[in-house]
Amino acid sequence: MDKHLIEEIKHVSFSMFNKNFFGVYHGSISARVSTSGFIINKKEAILDEVTEDSFITLDCQKRDYRWSEADTDVAIHERIYETIPNAKYICFTMPPYATAYSLKHGKVSPQDYHGKKILGEIIVYDPKNIDDWLERAPYEIPQFFQKHDSHLLLIKGYGLISYDRDITEMAKKVSILENSCRLLALSANL
């Protein structure tokens, strides 16, 4: 594995874990390494202390035993890489304010400067039937990204899927969305 890539992911993952975007054994992060290959964290990886051993390299054209070691979100990452050629990095996070906000609202309309300027309005995706959501997610999430001009998908009560060409930009957008939702929640109580 590319040591520089692992260090880059490690830095962002640690930062996102400290912001409570990832939990212990909750969340995923990946990076495309070739046209059909990507690395993703393993099932048991704790995302505040990732190392090279925390990741596994997978090839979309060759299903082997390694797929069973990958994080449970692997099918979502795979389908996004297959359908969105400019996706270089993907993460699934559960930022608390954004996820809580998604439970009561159909969209996020940031009122703060950075949220308005950088994100604009964010649609909250309602998966409706949660009983079969995990089977539908690998198909519905890439379809959403193909139909909407957004690199963020806030899913009602589930969390946030994001992708980008630049890992720092991806983390920045997740952070801005979380901060905007926090400010909306705080201002509602004033």
N, C-alpha and C. Protein backbone atom coordinates (compact mmCIF):
# COMPACT_ATOMS: atom_id res chain seq x y z
N MET A 1 0.83 -1.19 0.00
CA MET A 1 0.00 0.00 0.00
C MET A 1 0.87 1.25 0.00
N ASP A 2 0.36 2.28 -0.59
CA ASP A 2 1.04 3.56 -0.67
C ASP A 2 1.09 4.20 0.72
N LYS A 3 2.28 4.35 1.26
CA LYS A 3 2.46 4.89 2.63
C LYS A 3 1.91 6.31 2.75
N HIS A 4 2.13 7.12 1.71
CA HIS A 4 1.62 8.50 1.74
C HIS A 4 0.10 8.52 1.82
N LEU A 5 -0.55 7.66 1.03
CA LEU A 5 -2.01 7.56 1.03
C LEU A 5 -2.52 7.14 2.40
N ILE A 6 -1.88 6.15 2.99
CA ILE A 6 -2.29 5.69 4.33
C ILE A 6 -2.13 6.81 5.34
N GLU A 7 -1.04 7.55 5.29
CA GLU A 7 -0.83 8.68 6.22
C GLU A 7 -1.90 9.75 6.04
N GLU A 8 -2.25 10.02 4.80
CA GLU A 8 -3.29 11.00 4.50
C GLU A 8 -4.64 10.56 5.10
N ILE A 9 -5.00 9.32 4.87
CA ILE A 9 -6.25 8.78 5.41
C ILE A 9 -6.20 8.75 6.93
N LYS A 10 -5.07 8.33 7.48
CA LYS A 10 -4.89 8.26 8.94
C LYS A 10 -5.14 9.63 9.58
N HIS A 11 -4.56 10.66 9.01
CA HIS A 11 -4.71 12.02 9.54
C HIS A 11 -6.19 12.46 9.53
N VAL A 12 -6.86 12.26 8.39
CA VAL A 12 -8.26 12.67 8.27
C VAL A 12 -9.15 11.81 9.16
N SER A 13 -8.91 10.52 9.18
CA SER A 13 -9.71 9.61 9.99
C SER A 13 -9.62 9.96 11.48
N PHE A 14 -8.41 10.22 11.95
CA PHE A 14 -8.20 10.61 13.35
C PHE A 14 -8.97 11.89 13.67
N SER A 15 -8.89 12.85 12.79
CA SER A 15 -9.57 14.12 12.97
C SER A 15 -11.10 13.93 13.01
N MET A 16 -11.61 13.13 12.09
CA MET A 16 -13.06 12.90 12.03
C MET A 16 -13.54 12.09 13.24
N PHE A 17 -12.72 11.18 13.71
CA PHE A 17 -13.07 10.42 14.91
C PHE A 17 -13.16 11.35 16.11
N ASN A 18 -12.19 12.26 16.24
CA ASN A 18 -12.18 13.20 17.36
C ASN A 18 -13.34 14.18 17.32
N LYS A 19 -13.91 14.41 16.14
CA LYS A 19 -15.08 15.29 16.01
C LYS A 19 -16.37 14.50 16.22
N ASN A 20 -16.26 13.21 16.51
CA ASN A 20 -17.40 12.33 16.74
C ASN A 20 -18.18 12.03 15.45
N PHE A 21 -17.50 12.10 14.30
CA PHE A 21 -18.12 11.73 13.04
C PHE A 21 -18.06 10.23 12.83
N PHE A 22 -17.02 9.60 13.34
CA PHE A 22 -16.88 8.15 13.37
C PHE A 22 -17.05 7.71 14.81
N GLY A 23 -17.56 6.49 15.01
CA GLY A 23 -17.62 5.92 16.34
C GLY A 23 -16.70 4.72 16.41
N VAL A 24 -16.64 4.11 17.56
CA VAL A 24 -15.87 2.89 17.70
C VAL A 24 -16.59 1.81 16.88
N TYR A 25 -15.91 1.27 15.92
CA TYR A 25 -16.46 0.27 15.00
C TYR A 25 -17.64 0.80 14.20
N HIS A 26 -17.71 2.10 14.00
CA HIS A 26 -18.82 2.67 13.22
C HIS A 26 -18.28 3.70 12.25
N GLY A 27 -18.52 3.48 10.99
CA GLY A 27 -18.06 4.39 9.96
C GLY A 27 -17.09 3.68 9.03
N SER A 28 -16.85 4.32 7.88
CA SER A 28 -15.92 3.72 6.92
C SER A 28 -15.28 4.83 6.09
N ILE A 29 -14.09 4.51 5.61
CA ILE A 29 -13.35 5.44 4.76
C ILE A 29 -12.57 4.61 3.75
N SER A 30 -12.54 5.11 2.50
CA SER A 30 -11.85 4.36 1.45
C SER A 30 -11.21 5.32 0.46
N ALA A 31 -10.33 4.75 -0.37
CA ALA A 31 -9.66 5.52 -1.41
C ALA A 31 -9.47 4.64 -2.64
N ARG A 32 -9.74 5.22 -3.79
CA ARG A 32 -9.51 4.50 -5.05
C ARG A 32 -8.00 4.43 -5.29
N VAL A 33 -7.52 3.24 -5.67
CA VAL A 33 -6.09 3.07 -5.95
C VAL A 33 -5.82 2.67 -7.40
N SER A 34 -6.86 2.32 -8.14
CA SER A 34 -6.74 1.99 -9.56
C SER A 34 -8.14 2.10 -10.17
N THR A 35 -8.27 1.83 -11.46
CA THR A 35 -9.58 1.95 -12.09
C THR A 35 -10.61 0.98 -11.49
N SER A 36 -10.17 -0.17 -11.03
CA SER A 36 -11.11 -1.12 -10.44
C SER A 36 -10.77 -1.48 -8.99
N GLY A 37 -9.76 -0.84 -8.41
CA GLY A 37 -9.35 -1.19 -7.06
C GLY A 37 -9.46 -0.04 -6.07
N PHE A 38 -9.69 -0.39 -4.82
CA PHE A 38 -9.74 0.60 -3.76
C PHE A 38 -9.32 -0.03 -2.44
N ILE A 39 -8.93 0.82 -1.50
CA ILE A 39 -8.66 0.34 -0.16
C ILE A 39 -9.79 0.84 0.74
N ILE A 40 -10.13 0.04 1.73
CA ILE A 40 -11.18 0.39 2.68
C ILE A 40 -10.79 -0.17 4.04
N ASN A 41 -11.28 0.46 5.08
CA ASN A 41 -10.97 -0.06 6.41
C ASN A 41 -11.62 -1.42 6.63
N LYS A 42 -10.95 -2.22 7.43
CA LYS A 42 -11.47 -3.54 7.78
C LYS A 42 -12.61 -3.40 8.79
N LYS A 43 -13.38 -4.47 8.96
CA LYS A 43 -14.52 -4.48 9.89
C LYS A 43 -14.13 -4.05 11.30
N GLU A 44 -13.03 -4.55 11.78
CA GLU A 44 -12.66 -4.32 13.18
C GLU A 44 -11.79 -3.09 13.41
N ALA A 45 -11.57 -2.30 12.38
CA ALA A 45 -10.71 -1.11 12.52
C ALA A 45 -11.39 -0.05 13.38
N ILE A 46 -10.63 0.49 14.31
CA ILE A 46 -11.09 1.64 15.08
C ILE A 46 -10.47 2.86 14.40
N LEU A 47 -11.31 3.76 13.96
CA LEU A 47 -10.85 4.80 13.04
C LEU A 47 -10.11 5.96 13.67
N ASP A 48 -9.75 5.86 14.94
CA ASP A 48 -8.91 6.91 15.52
C ASP A 48 -7.45 6.48 15.55
N GLU A 49 -7.18 5.24 15.22
CA GLU A 49 -5.81 4.74 15.28
C GLU A 49 -5.51 3.81 14.11
N VAL A 50 -5.85 4.25 12.91
CA VAL A 50 -5.64 3.39 11.75
C VAL A 50 -4.17 3.27 11.38
N THR A 51 -3.83 2.11 10.89
CA THR A 51 -2.50 1.81 10.38
C THR A 51 -2.70 1.12 9.03
N GLU A 52 -1.62 0.76 8.40
CA GLU A 52 -1.72 0.03 7.14
C GLU A 52 -2.50 -1.27 7.33
N ASP A 53 -2.34 -1.91 8.49
CA ASP A 53 -3.05 -3.16 8.78
C ASP A 53 -4.55 -2.97 8.97
N SER A 54 -5.00 -1.72 9.13
CA SER A 54 -6.42 -1.43 9.31
C SER A 54 -7.18 -1.47 7.98
N PHE A 55 -6.45 -1.51 6.87
CA PHE A 55 -7.05 -1.43 5.54
C PHE A 55 -6.85 -2.71 4.75
N ILE A 56 -7.71 -2.88 3.78
CA ILE A 56 -7.61 -4.02 2.88
C ILE A 56 -7.79 -3.50 1.45
N THR A 57 -7.01 -4.04 0.53
CA THR A 57 -7.11 -3.65 -0.88
C THR A 57 -8.05 -4.62 -1.58
N LEU A 58 -9.02 -4.07 -2.31
CA LEU A 58 -10.00 -4.89 -3.01
C LEU A 58 -10.02 -4.52 -4.50
N ASP A 59 -10.36 -5.49 -5.32
CA ASP A 59 -10.50 -5.28 -6.75
C ASP A 59 -11.95 -5.61 -7.11
N CYS A 60 -12.65 -4.64 -7.71
CA CYS A 60 -14.06 -4.82 -8.06
C CYS A 60 -14.27 -5.95 -9.07
N GLN A 61 -13.24 -6.31 -9.79
CA GLN A 61 -13.37 -7.36 -10.80
C GLN A 61 -13.04 -8.75 -10.26
N LYS A 62 -12.51 -8.81 -9.04
CA LYS A 62 -12.14 -10.11 -8.45
C LYS A 62 -12.66 -10.20 -7.02
N ARG A 63 -13.71 -10.95 -6.84
CA ARG A 63 -14.25 -11.18 -5.50
C ARG A 63 -13.49 -12.35 -4.88
N ASP A 64 -12.84 -12.12 -3.76
CA ASP A 64 -12.15 -13.20 -3.07
C ASP A 64 -12.39 -13.08 -1.57
N TYR A 65 -11.70 -13.84 -0.78
CA TYR A 65 -11.91 -13.90 0.67
C TYR A 65 -11.74 -12.54 1.35
N ARG A 66 -10.95 -11.65 0.75
CA ARG A 66 -10.68 -10.35 1.38
C ARG A 66 -11.95 -9.51 1.54
N TRP A 67 -12.92 -9.70 0.65
CA TRP A 67 -14.16 -8.93 0.73
C TRP A 67 -14.88 -9.16 2.05
N SER A 68 -14.75 -10.33 2.62
CA SER A 68 -15.42 -10.63 3.89
C SER A 68 -14.72 -9.95 5.08
N GLU A 69 -13.48 -9.50 4.89
CA GLU A 69 -12.76 -8.80 5.95
C GLU A 69 -13.02 -7.30 5.95
N ALA A 70 -13.58 -6.80 4.85
CA ALA A 70 -13.80 -5.35 4.69
C ALA A 70 -14.99 -4.89 5.53
N ASP A 71 -15.02 -3.58 5.76
CA ASP A 71 -16.12 -2.97 6.50
C ASP A 71 -17.46 -3.32 5.85
N THR A 72 -18.51 -3.32 6.63
CA THR A 72 -19.83 -3.70 6.13
C THR A 72 -20.37 -2.74 5.06
N ASP A 73 -19.81 -1.55 4.95
CA ASP A 73 -20.23 -0.58 3.93
C ASP A 73 -19.54 -0.82 2.58
N VAL A 74 -18.80 -1.89 2.44
CA VAL A 74 -17.98 -2.13 1.25
C VAL A 74 -18.80 -2.11 -0.04
N ALA A 75 -20.01 -2.64 -0.02
CA ALA A 75 -20.83 -2.67 -1.24
C ALA A 75 -21.22 -1.26 -1.69
N ILE A 76 -21.46 -0.37 -0.72
CA ILE A 76 -21.78 1.02 -1.05
C ILE A 76 -20.57 1.69 -1.71
N HIS A 77 -19.40 1.53 -1.11
CA HIS A 77 -18.18 2.12 -1.66
C HIS A 77 -17.92 1.57 -3.07
N GLU A 78 -18.05 0.27 -3.23
CA GLU A 78 -17.81 -0.36 -4.53
C GLU A 78 -18.71 0.25 -5.61
N ARG A 79 -20.00 0.35 -5.34
CA ARG A 79 -20.95 0.87 -6.34
C ARG A 79 -20.70 2.35 -6.65
N ILE A 80 -20.30 3.13 -5.65
CA ILE A 80 -19.99 4.54 -5.92
C ILE A 80 -18.77 4.63 -6.83
N TYR A 81 -17.72 3.86 -6.54
CA TYR A 81 -16.53 3.87 -7.40
C TYR A 81 -16.87 3.41 -8.82
N GLU A 82 -17.76 2.44 -8.96
CA GLU A 82 -18.14 1.94 -10.28
C GLU A 82 -18.95 2.96 -11.07
N THR A 83 -19.80 3.71 -10.41
CA THR A 83 -20.73 4.60 -11.12
C THR A 83 -20.29 6.06 -11.18
N ILE A 84 -19.37 6.46 -10.32
CA ILE A 84 -18.91 7.86 -10.30
C ILE A 84 -17.40 7.87 -10.50
N PRO A 85 -16.96 8.03 -11.73
CA PRO A 85 -15.53 7.96 -12.04
C PRO A 85 -14.65 8.97 -11.31
N ASN A 86 -15.20 10.13 -10.95
CA ASN A 86 -14.36 11.13 -10.28
C ASN A 86 -14.32 10.98 -8.76
N ALA A 87 -14.92 9.92 -8.22
CA ALA A 87 -14.82 9.65 -6.78
C ALA A 87 -13.45 9.05 -6.49
N LYS A 88 -12.66 9.72 -5.70
CA LYS A 88 -11.33 9.23 -5.31
C LYS A 88 -11.35 8.76 -3.86
N TYR A 89 -12.15 9.45 -3.03
CA TYR A 89 -12.29 9.11 -1.60
C TYR A 89 -13.77 9.05 -1.26
N ILE A 90 -14.12 8.14 -0.36
CA ILE A 90 -15.50 8.00 0.11
C ILE A 90 -15.44 7.79 1.62
N CYS A 91 -16.42 8.36 2.32
CA CYS A 91 -16.54 8.04 3.74
C CYS A 91 -18.01 7.98 4.16
N PHE A 92 -18.27 7.14 5.12
CA PHE A 92 -19.57 7.08 5.77
C PHE A 92 -19.35 7.52 7.21
N THR A 93 -20.02 8.58 7.59
CA THR A 93 -19.91 9.12 8.94
C THR A 93 -21.30 9.25 9.54
N MET A 94 -21.34 9.50 10.82
CA MET A 94 -22.60 9.74 11.51
C MET A 94 -22.45 10.96 12.40
N PRO A 95 -22.26 12.15 11.79
CA PRO A 95 -22.12 13.35 12.61
C PRO A 95 -23.41 13.58 13.40
N PRO A 96 -23.32 13.75 14.71
CA PRO A 96 -24.52 13.74 15.56
C PRO A 96 -25.55 14.84 15.25
N TYR A 97 -25.13 16.07 15.06
CA TYR A 97 -26.10 17.13 14.79
C TYR A 97 -26.76 16.96 13.43
N ALA A 98 -25.98 16.64 12.42
CA ALA A 98 -26.54 16.45 11.08
C ALA A 98 -27.50 15.26 11.05
N THR A 99 -27.12 14.17 11.70
CA THR A 99 -27.99 12.99 11.73
C THR A 99 -29.26 13.27 12.51
N ALA A 100 -29.14 13.96 13.64
CA ALA A 100 -30.32 14.33 14.43
C ALA A 100 -31.22 15.28 13.63
N TYR A 101 -30.61 16.24 12.95
CA TYR A 101 -31.37 17.19 12.15
C TYR A 101 -32.16 16.47 11.04
N SER A 102 -31.56 15.42 10.49
CA SER A 102 -32.20 14.66 9.42
C SER A 102 -33.49 13.97 9.86
N LEU A 103 -33.62 13.72 11.15
CA LEU A 103 -34.81 13.04 11.66
C LEU A 103 -36.06 13.90 11.58
N LYS A 104 -35.90 15.22 11.63
CA LYS A 104 -37.05 16.13 11.68
C LYS A 104 -37.21 17.01 10.45
N HIS A 105 -36.25 16.98 9.53
CA HIS A 105 -36.28 17.90 8.39
C HIS A 105 -36.03 17.17 7.07
N GLY A 106 -36.60 17.71 5.99
CA GLY A 106 -36.42 17.14 4.66
C GLY A 106 -35.27 17.75 3.89
N LYS A 107 -34.72 18.83 4.43
CA LYS A 107 -33.55 19.46 3.82
C LYS A 107 -32.83 20.28 4.87
N VAL A 108 -31.58 20.56 4.59
CA VAL A 108 -30.77 21.42 5.45
C VAL A 108 -30.52 22.69 4.66
N SER A 109 -30.97 23.82 5.20
CA SER A 109 -30.75 25.12 4.58
C SER A 109 -29.85 25.92 5.51
N PRO A 110 -28.54 25.80 5.33
CA PRO A 110 -27.62 26.49 6.24
C PRO A 110 -27.87 27.99 6.29
N GLN A 111 -27.78 28.55 7.49
CA GLN A 111 -27.94 29.99 7.68
C GLN A 111 -26.60 30.66 7.99
N ASP A 112 -25.57 29.86 8.24
CA ASP A 112 -24.24 30.41 8.51
C ASP A 112 -23.50 30.66 7.21
N TYR A 113 -22.51 31.51 7.27
CA TYR A 113 -21.76 31.94 6.08
C TYR A 113 -21.17 30.76 5.31
N HIS A 114 -20.37 29.93 5.99
CA HIS A 114 -19.68 28.83 5.30
C HIS A 114 -20.66 27.79 4.75
N GLY A 115 -21.69 27.50 5.51
CA GLY A 115 -22.68 26.54 5.03
C GLY A 115 -23.38 27.02 3.78
N LYS A 116 -23.79 28.30 3.78
CA LYS A 116 -24.46 28.86 2.61
C LYS A 116 -23.54 28.93 1.40
N LYS A 117 -22.32 29.45 1.61
CA LYS A 117 -21.38 29.66 0.51
C LYS A 117 -20.85 28.36 -0.08
N ILE A 118 -20.49 27.41 0.77
CA ILE A 118 -19.81 26.21 0.30
C ILE A 118 -20.79 25.07 -0.02
N LEU A 119 -21.82 24.91 0.80
CA LEU A 119 -22.73 23.78 0.61
C LEU A 119 -24.03 24.12 -0.09
N GLY A 120 -24.61 25.24 0.28
CA GLY A 120 -25.96 25.53 -0.21
C GLY A 120 -26.94 24.60 0.47
N GLU A 121 -28.07 24.38 -0.16
CA GLU A 121 -29.10 23.52 0.43
C GLU A 121 -28.77 22.04 0.23
N ILE A 122 -28.96 21.26 1.26
CA ILE A 122 -28.69 19.81 1.23
C ILE A 122 -30.02 19.06 1.42
N ILE A 123 -30.31 18.18 0.49
CA ILE A 123 -31.52 17.36 0.59
C ILE A 123 -31.28 16.24 1.59
N VAL A 124 -32.28 15.95 2.41
CA VAL A 124 -32.22 14.80 3.32
C VAL A 124 -32.93 13.65 2.61
N TYR A 125 -32.22 12.57 2.42
CA TYR A 125 -32.76 11.40 1.72
C TYR A 125 -33.47 10.51 2.73
N ASP A 126 -34.72 10.20 2.45
CA ASP A 126 -35.51 9.34 3.33
C ASP A 126 -35.53 7.93 2.74
N PRO A 127 -34.89 6.97 3.39
CA PRO A 127 -34.86 5.60 2.86
C PRO A 127 -36.19 4.86 3.02
N LYS A 128 -37.15 5.50 3.68
CA LYS A 128 -38.48 4.93 3.92
C LYS A 128 -38.39 3.64 4.75
N ASN A 129 -38.46 2.50 4.09
CA ASN A 129 -38.46 1.22 4.80
C ASN A 129 -37.04 0.88 5.27
N ILE A 130 -36.81 0.98 6.57
CA ILE A 130 -35.47 0.72 7.09
C ILE A 130 -35.13 -0.77 7.17
N ASP A 131 -36.15 -1.62 7.08
CA ASP A 131 -35.91 -3.05 7.18
C ASP A 131 -35.04 -3.60 6.05
N ASP A 132 -35.16 -3.03 4.85
CA ASP A 132 -34.36 -3.52 3.74
C ASP A 132 -33.38 -2.46 3.21
N TRP A 133 -33.15 -1.42 4.01
CA TRP A 133 -32.28 -0.33 3.57
C TRP A 133 -30.87 -0.80 3.23
N LEU A 134 -30.29 -1.65 4.03
CA LEU A 134 -28.91 -2.08 3.78
C LEU A 134 -28.77 -2.84 2.46
N GLU A 135 -29.81 -3.51 2.02
CA GLU A 135 -29.77 -4.18 0.73
C GLU A 135 -29.94 -3.18 -0.42
N ARG A 136 -30.74 -2.13 -0.21
CA ARG A 136 -31.00 -1.14 -1.26
C ARG A 136 -29.93 -0.07 -1.34
N ALA A 137 -29.27 0.21 -0.24
CA ALA A 137 -28.31 1.33 -0.16
C ALA A 137 -27.24 1.32 -1.25
N PRO A 138 -26.61 0.18 -1.56
CA PRO A 138 -25.56 0.20 -2.59
C PRO A 138 -26.06 0.65 -3.97
N TYR A 139 -27.36 0.60 -4.20
CA TYR A 139 -27.92 1.01 -5.49
C TYR A 139 -28.52 2.42 -5.43
N GLU A 140 -29.22 2.71 -4.34
CA GLU A 140 -29.90 4.00 -4.22
C GLU A 140 -28.92 5.15 -3.98
N ILE A 141 -27.86 4.92 -3.25
CA ILE A 141 -26.90 5.99 -2.96
C ILE A 141 -26.19 6.47 -4.23
N PRO A 142 -25.61 5.59 -5.04
CA PRO A 142 -25.00 6.07 -6.29
C PRO A 142 -26.01 6.72 -7.24
N GLN A 143 -27.26 6.21 -7.27
CA GLN A 143 -28.29 6.83 -8.10
C GLN A 143 -28.54 8.26 -7.66
N PHE A 144 -28.58 8.49 -6.35
CA PHE A 144 -28.78 9.84 -5.84
C PHE A 144 -27.66 10.75 -6.32
N PHE A 145 -26.42 10.31 -6.17
CA PHE A 145 -25.28 11.12 -6.59
C PHE A 145 -25.31 11.41 -8.09
N GLN A 146 -25.76 10.47 -8.89
CA GLN A 146 -25.83 10.67 -10.33
C GLN A 146 -26.91 11.69 -10.71
N LYS A 147 -27.98 11.75 -9.94
CA LYS A 147 -29.09 12.65 -10.24
C LYS A 147 -28.94 14.04 -9.64
N HIS A 148 -28.12 14.18 -8.62
CA HIS A 148 -27.99 15.46 -7.92
C HIS A 148 -26.54 15.95 -7.98
N ASP A 149 -26.41 17.24 -8.02
CA ASP A 149 -25.08 17.85 -8.07
C ASP A 149 -24.58 18.07 -6.64
N SER A 150 -24.28 16.97 -5.98
CA SER A 150 -23.82 17.04 -4.59
C SER A 150 -22.84 15.90 -4.33
N HIS A 151 -21.90 16.15 -3.46
CA HIS A 151 -20.96 15.11 -3.03
C HIS A 151 -21.30 14.64 -1.62
N LEU A 152 -22.44 15.13 -1.10
CA LEU A 152 -22.90 14.76 0.24
C LEU A 152 -24.30 14.18 0.15
N LEU A 153 -24.52 13.09 0.85
CA LEU A 153 -25.87 12.52 0.94
C LEU A 153 -26.17 12.28 2.41
N LEU A 154 -27.04 13.12 2.96
CA LEU A 154 -27.48 12.99 4.35
C LEU A 154 -28.72 12.10 4.34
N ILE A 155 -28.63 10.96 4.99
CA ILE A 155 -29.69 9.96 4.98
C ILE A 155 -30.39 9.99 6.33
N LYS A 156 -31.69 10.17 6.28
CA LYS A 156 -32.51 10.31 7.49
C LYS A 156 -32.23 9.19 8.49
N GLY A 157 -31.74 9.60 9.66
CA GLY A 157 -31.50 8.66 10.76
C GLY A 157 -30.37 7.68 10.55
N TYR A 158 -29.66 7.77 9.44
CA TYR A 158 -28.61 6.80 9.13
C TYR A 158 -27.22 7.41 9.20
N GLY A 159 -27.06 8.57 8.59
CA GLY A 159 -25.76 9.22 8.60
C GLY A 159 -25.48 9.91 7.28
N LEU A 160 -24.22 10.11 7.00
CA LEU A 160 -23.78 10.91 5.87
C LEU A 160 -22.78 10.13 5.02
N ILE A 161 -23.08 10.01 3.74
CA ILE A 161 -22.15 9.43 2.77
C ILE A 161 -21.59 10.59 1.98
N SER A 162 -20.27 10.63 1.83
CA SER A 162 -19.66 11.70 1.05
C SER A 162 -18.52 11.14 0.21
N TYR A 163 -18.26 11.85 -0.89
CA TYR A 163 -17.13 11.48 -1.74
C TYR A 163 -16.52 12.75 -2.30
N ASP A 164 -15.27 12.64 -2.75
CA ASP A 164 -14.61 13.79 -3.37
C ASP A 164 -13.34 13.32 -4.05
N ARG A 165 -12.72 14.22 -4.80
CA ARG A 165 -11.43 13.96 -5.42
C ARG A 165 -10.31 14.24 -4.44
N ASP A 166 -10.59 15.03 -3.42
CA ASP A 166 -9.59 15.46 -2.45
C ASP A 166 -10.10 15.10 -1.05
N ILE A 167 -9.30 14.36 -0.30
CA ILE A 167 -9.74 13.89 1.01
C ILE A 167 -9.96 15.04 2.00
N THR A 168 -9.15 16.09 1.89
CA THR A 168 -9.30 17.23 2.78
C THR A 168 -10.59 17.98 2.48
N GLU A 169 -10.91 18.13 1.20
CA GLU A 169 -12.17 18.78 0.81
C GLU A 169 -13.36 17.98 1.31
N MET A 170 -13.28 16.66 1.21
CA MET A 170 -14.36 15.81 1.68
C MET A 170 -14.58 16.02 3.17
N ALA A 171 -13.51 15.97 3.94
CA ALA A 171 -13.61 16.16 5.40
C ALA A 171 -14.12 17.56 5.73
N LYS A 172 -13.68 18.55 4.97
CA LYS A 172 -14.11 19.93 5.21
C LYS A 172 -15.62 20.06 5.01
N LYS A 173 -16.15 19.46 3.96
CA LYS A 173 -17.60 19.55 3.70
C LYS A 173 -18.41 18.83 4.77
N VAL A 174 -17.92 17.70 5.23
CA VAL A 174 -18.60 16.99 6.32
C VAL A 174 -18.63 17.88 7.56
N SER A 175 -17.51 18.50 7.87
CA SER A 175 -17.40 19.36 9.04
C SER A 175 -18.30 20.60 8.92
N ILE A 176 -18.35 21.20 7.74
CA ILE A 176 -19.19 22.38 7.54
C ILE A 176 -20.67 22.02 7.70
N LEU A 177 -21.07 20.87 7.14
CA LEU A 177 -22.46 20.44 7.28
C LEU A 177 -22.80 20.21 8.75
N GLU A 178 -21.92 19.54 9.46
CA GLU A 178 -22.17 19.28 10.89
C GLU A 178 -22.27 20.60 11.66
N ASN A 179 -21.37 21.53 11.38
CA ASN A 179 -21.40 22.82 12.07
C ASN A 179 -22.68 23.59 11.73
N SER A 180 -23.10 23.57 10.48
CA SER A 180 -24.33 24.25 10.08
C SER A 180 -25.54 23.67 10.80
N CYS A 181 -25.61 22.34 10.91
CA CYS A 181 -26.72 21.70 11.61
C CYS A 181 -26.68 22.01 13.11
N ARG A 182 -25.48 22.07 13.67
CA ARG A 182 -25.34 22.43 15.08
C ARG A 182 -25.85 23.85 15.31
N LEU A 183 -25.47 24.77 14.43
CA LEU A 183 -25.92 26.15 14.56
C LEU A 183 -27.43 26.28 14.38
N LEU A 184 -27.99 25.52 13.44
CA LEU A 184 -29.45 25.53 13.26
C LEU A 184 -30.15 25.01 14.51
N ALA A 185 -29.61 23.96 15.11
CA ALA A 185 -30.21 23.41 16.33
C ALA A 185 -30.10 24.40 17.50
N LEU A 186 -28.94 25.01 17.64
CA LEU A 186 -28.75 25.99 18.72
C LEU A 186 -29.63 27.21 18.53
N SER A 187 -29.74 27.69 17.31
CA SER A 187 -30.55 28.89 17.06
C SER A 187 -32.04 28.62 17.24
N ALA A 188 -32.48 27.38 17.06
CA ALA A 188 -33.88 27.03 17.27
C ALA A 188 -34.29 27.19 18.73
N ASN A 189 -33.31 27.10 19.63
CA ASN A 189 -33.60 27.21 21.06
C ASN A 189 -33.48 28.63 21.59
N LEU A 190 -33.14 29.58 20.73
CA LEU A 190 -32.98 30.97 21.19
C LEU A 190 -34.29 31.72 21.14
